[in-house]
Amino acid sequence: MRTFRHALVELAGWLALFSLLGIAPAVRVMPVAAQEQVTVSGEVVDLSCYLAKGSKGIRHKACAQMCAKKGLPIGVLDDSGTTYLLLEDHDNPGPYATAKDLAGERVEVTGKKFSKGGVQSIEVSAAKGL
């Protein structure tokens, strides 16, 4: 009689074989290619407060900076009302750190734009205050 453990071991073996042979496309994660290089001007907002409460602007600057320093997600709210999630480039984290320091302020952010699952994002390659 086969036990549950034996069945799991057998399943793991088959999955390993399929992955080595490249015949398990349903479990592969395909990378998303950048769509374009963009430059966006707007306010750096902490997304936790902005999305939940609509908090932004000079009155919210201290909170935005505190949230950014805690590692909460940040984004840029441009003048047309579009919000972009800001992503750190792991090979070049300095520009993202600059954007975090500018939370609650107007900035110009440059980087690769990505869009997936309805979320627009920018991998930050440059950030400066306006």
C-alpha atoms as a PDB file:
ATOM      1  CA  MET A   1       0.000   0.000   0.000  1.00  0.00           C
ATOM      2  CA  ARG A   2       1.364   3.398  -1.032  1.00  0.00           C
ATOM      3  CA  THR A   3       1.529   6.104   1.576  1.00  0.00           C
ATOM      4  CA  PHE A   4       0.918   9.754   1.020  1.00  0.00           C
ATOM      5  CA  ARG A   5       4.636  10.389   1.540  1.00  0.00           C
ATOM      6  CA  HIS A   6       5.556   7.894  -1.195  1.00  0.00           C
ATOM      7  CA  ALA A   7       3.127   9.563  -3.575  1.00  0.00           C
ATOM      8  CA  LEU A   8       4.686  12.997  -2.873  1.00  0.00           C
ATOM      9  CA  VAL A   9       8.198  11.666  -3.451  1.00  0.00           C
ATOM     10  CA  GLU A  10       7.104  10.121  -6.753  1.00  0.00           C
ATOM     11  CA  LEU A  11       5.368  13.331  -7.827  1.00  0.00           C
ATOM     12  CA  ALA A  12       8.484  15.373  -6.967  1.00  0.00           C
ATOM     13  CA  GLY A  13      10.579  12.998  -9.066  1.00  0.00           C
ATOM     14  CA  TRP A  14       8.284  13.358 -12.075  1.00  0.00           C
ATOM     15  CA  LEU A  15       8.220  17.156 -11.739  1.00  0.00           C
ATOM     16  CA  ALA A  16      12.013  17.252 -11.571  1.00  0.00           C
ATOM     17  CA  LEU A  17      12.256  15.104 -14.707  1.00  0.00           C
ATOM     18  CA  PHE A  18       9.719  17.229 -16.590  1.00  0.00           C
ATOM     19  CA  SER A  19      11.512  20.417 -15.646  1.00  0.00           C
ATOM     20  CA  LEU A  20      14.879  19.015 -16.793  1.00  0.00           C
ATOM     21  CA  LEU A  21      13.324  18.020 -20.095  1.00  0.00           C
ATOM     22  CA  GLY A  22      11.629  21.389 -20.445  1.00  0.00           C
ATOM     23  CA  ILE A  23       8.146  19.924 -20.824  1.00  0.00           C
ATOM     24  CA  ALA A  24       6.494  21.648 -17.898  1.00  0.00           C
ATOM     25  CA  PRO A  25       5.706  25.077 -19.400  1.00  0.00           C
ATOM     26  CA  ALA A  26       2.846  25.672 -16.959  1.00  0.00           C
ATOM     27  CA  VAL A  27       5.342  26.084 -14.106  1.00  0.00           C
ATOM     28  CA  ARG A  28       7.805  28.331 -15.926  1.00  0.00           C
ATOM     29  CA  VAL A  29       7.887  32.008 -15.114  1.00  0.00           C
ATOM     30  CA  MET A  30       8.574  34.126 -18.130  1.00  0.00           C
ATOM     31  CA  PRO A  31      10.330  37.471 -17.553  1.00  0.00           C
ATOM     32  CA  VAL A  32       8.497  40.631 -18.514  1.00  0.00           C
ATOM     33  CA  ALA A  33      10.379  42.838 -20.946  1.00  0.00           C
ATOM     34  CA  ALA A  34      10.508  46.580 -20.381  1.00  0.00           C
ATOM     35  CA  GLN A  35       8.119  48.342 -22.689  1.00  0.00           C
ATOM     36  CA  GLU A  36      10.017  51.618 -23.022  1.00  0.00           C
ATOM     37  CA  GLN A  37      12.284  54.133 -21.337  1.00  0.00           C
ATOM     38  CA  VAL A  38      10.186  56.940 -19.779  1.00  0.00           C
ATOM     39  CA  THR A  39      10.597  60.137 -17.797  1.00  0.00           C
ATOM     40  CA  VAL A  40       7.713  61.053 -15.496  1.00  0.00           C
ATOM     41  CA  SER A  41       7.219  64.200 -13.428  1.00  0.00           C
ATOM     42  CA  GLY A  42       4.995  64.281 -10.378  1.00  0.00           C
ATOM     43  CA  GLU A  43       4.852  63.745  -6.622  1.00  0.00           C
ATOM     44  CA  VAL A  44       6.501  60.811  -4.868  1.00  0.00           C
ATOM     45  CA  VAL A  45       3.706  59.296  -2.788  1.00  0.00           C
ATOM     46  CA  ASP A  46       3.822  56.494  -0.290  1.00  0.00           C
ATOM     47  CA  LEU A  47       1.362  54.081  -1.820  1.00  0.00           C
ATOM     48  CA  SER A  48       0.036  52.778   1.500  1.00  0.00           C
ATOM     49  CA  CYS A  49      -1.447  56.136   2.503  1.00  0.00           C
ATOM     50  CA  TYR A  50      -2.228  57.356  -1.006  1.00  0.00           C
ATOM     51  CA  LEU A  51      -4.156  54.281  -2.140  1.00  0.00           C
ATOM     52  CA  ALA A  52      -5.983  53.735   1.169  1.00  0.00           C
ATOM     53  CA  LYS A  53      -6.717  57.356   2.148  1.00  0.00           C
ATOM     54  CA  GLY A  54      -5.809  59.601  -0.774  1.00  0.00           C
ATOM     55  CA  SER A  55      -3.055  61.218   1.311  1.00  0.00           C
ATOM     56  CA  LYS A  56      -0.600  63.369  -0.639  1.00  0.00           C
ATOM     57  CA  GLY A  57       0.809  66.870  -0.814  1.00  0.00           C
ATOM     58  CA  ILE A  58       2.913  68.996   1.507  1.00  0.00           C
ATOM     59  CA  ARG A  59       0.728  68.236   4.548  1.00  0.00           C
ATOM     60  CA  HIS A  60       1.530  64.559   4.142  1.00  0.00           C
ATOM     61  CA  LYS A  61       5.268  64.934   3.423  1.00  0.00           C
ATOM     62  CA  ALA A  62       6.574  63.875   6.875  1.00  0.00           C
ATOM     63  CA  CYS A  63       4.373  60.766   6.899  1.00  0.00           C
ATOM     64  CA  ALA A  64       5.354  59.903   3.310  1.00  0.00           C
ATOM     65  CA  GLN A  65       9.045  60.123   4.187  1.00  0.00           C
ATOM     66  CA  MET A  66       8.564  58.014   7.319  1.00  0.00           C
ATOM     67  CA  CYS A  67       6.670  55.337   5.359  1.00  0.00           C
ATOM     68  CA  ALA A  68       9.312  55.324   2.588  1.00  0.00           C
ATOM     69  CA  LYS A  69      12.107  54.890   5.143  1.00  0.00           C
ATOM     70  CA  LYS A  70      10.219  51.934   6.655  1.00  0.00           C
ATOM     71  CA  GLY A  71      10.312  50.276   3.234  1.00  0.00           C
ATOM     72  CA  LEU A  72       6.652  50.718   2.305  1.00  0.00           C
ATOM     73  CA  PRO A  73       6.070  50.964  -1.457  1.00  0.00           C
ATOM     74  CA  ILE A  74       6.400  54.336  -3.158  1.00  0.00           C
ATOM     75  CA  GLY A  75       5.169  55.629  -6.466  1.00  0.00           C
ATOM     76  CA  VAL A  76       4.931  58.697  -8.628  1.00  0.00           C
ATOM     77  CA  LEU A  77       1.593  60.417  -9.097  1.00  0.00           C
ATOM     78  CA  ASP A  78       1.936  62.364 -12.335  1.00  0.00           C
ATOM     79  CA  ASP A  79       0.058  65.520 -13.284  1.00  0.00           C
ATOM     80  CA  SER A  80      -2.557  63.574 -15.266  1.00  0.00           C
ATOM     81  CA  GLY A  81      -3.425  61.450 -12.207  1.00  0.00           C
ATOM     82  CA  THR A  82      -1.610  58.296 -13.313  1.00  0.00           C
ATOM     83  CA  THR A  83       0.242  56.460 -10.543  1.00  0.00           C
ATOM     84  CA  TYR A  84       3.389  54.436 -11.226  1.00  0.00           C
ATOM     85  CA  LEU A  85       4.841  51.981  -8.717  1.00  0.00           C
ATOM     86  CA  LEU A  86       8.561  52.685  -8.353  1.00  0.00           C
ATOM     87  CA  LEU A  87      10.909  49.700  -8.474  1.00  0.00           C
ATOM     88  CA  GLU A  88      14.508  49.518  -7.326  1.00  0.00           C
ATOM     89  CA  ASP A  89      17.109  48.420  -9.863  1.00  0.00           C
ATOM     90  CA  HIS A  90      19.030  45.834  -7.805  1.00  0.00           C
ATOM     91  CA  ASP A  91      22.198  46.567  -9.790  1.00  0.00           C
ATOM     92  CA  ASN A  92      21.877  50.344  -9.254  1.00  0.00           C
ATOM     93  CA  PRO A  93      19.898  51.105  -6.049  1.00  0.00           C
ATOM     94  CA  GLY A  94      21.056  54.728  -5.660  1.00  0.00           C
ATOM     95  CA  PRO A  95      18.373  56.419  -7.810  1.00  0.00           C
ATOM     96  CA  TYR A  96      15.578  54.572  -5.981  1.00  0.00           C
ATOM     97  CA  ALA A  97      17.086  55.663  -2.642  1.00  0.00           C
ATOM     98  CA  THR A  98      17.025  59.248  -3.945  1.00  0.00           C
ATOM     99  CA  ALA A  99      13.334  58.876  -4.841  1.00  0.00           C
ATOM    100  CA  LYS A 100      12.625  57.564  -1.308  1.00  0.00           C
ATOM    101  CA  ASP A 101      14.378  60.611   0.181  1.00  0.00           C
ATOM    102  CA  LEU A 102      12.159  62.851  -1.965  1.00  0.00           C
ATOM    103  CA  ALA A 103       8.870  61.327  -0.739  1.00  0.00           C
ATOM    104  CA  GLY A 104       6.195  64.009  -0.544  1.00  0.00           C
ATOM    105  CA  GLU A 105       8.000  66.226  -3.056  1.00  0.00           C
ATOM    106  CA  ARG A 106       7.816  66.859  -6.795  1.00  0.00           C
ATOM    107  CA  VAL A 107      10.332  64.868  -8.801  1.00  0.00           C
ATOM    108  CA  GLU A 108      11.370  63.778 -12.226  1.00  0.00           C
ATOM    109  CA  VAL A 109      11.910  60.005 -12.452  1.00  0.00           C
ATOM    110  CA  THR A 110      13.471  58.207 -15.405  1.00  0.00           C
ATOM    111  CA  GLY A 111      13.592  54.479 -15.982  1.00  0.00           C
ATOM    112  CA  LYS A 112      12.225  51.416 -17.710  1.00  0.00           C
ATOM    113  CA  LYS A 113       8.442  51.188 -17.736  1.00  0.00           C
ATOM    114  CA  PHE A 114       6.759  47.842 -17.077  1.00  0.00           C
ATOM    115  CA  SER A 115       3.077  46.957 -17.102  1.00  0.00           C
ATOM    116  CA  LYS A 116       1.729  43.687 -15.747  1.00  0.00           C
ATOM    117  CA  GLY A 117      -1.650  42.706 -14.364  1.00  0.00           C
ATOM    118  CA  GLY A 118      -2.935  46.262 -14.683  1.00  0.00           C
ATOM    119  CA  VAL A 119      -0.069  47.727 -12.623  1.00  0.00           C
ATOM    120  CA  GLN A 120       2.244  50.259 -14.232  1.00  0.00           C
ATOM    121  CA  SER A 121       5.721  50.556 -12.798  1.00  0.00           C
ATOM    122  CA  ILE A 122       9.053  52.217 -13.417  1.00  0.00           C
ATOM    123  CA  GLU A 123      12.426  50.692 -12.554  1.00  0.00           C
ATOM    124  CA  VAL A 124      14.192  53.858 -11.408  1.00  0.00           C
ATOM    125  CA  SER A 125      17.452  54.724 -13.178  1.00  0.00           C
ATOM    126  CA  ALA A 126      17.433  58.452 -12.266  1.00  0.00           C
ATOM    127  CA  ALA A 127      15.502  60.658  -9.842  1.00  0.00           C
ATOM    128  CA  LYS A 128      15.808  64.347  -9.074  1.00  0.00           C
ATOM    129  CA  GLY A 129      13.767  66.935  -7.235  1.00  0.00           C
ATOM    130  CA  LEU A 130      12.027  69.684  -9.131  1.00  0.00           C
END
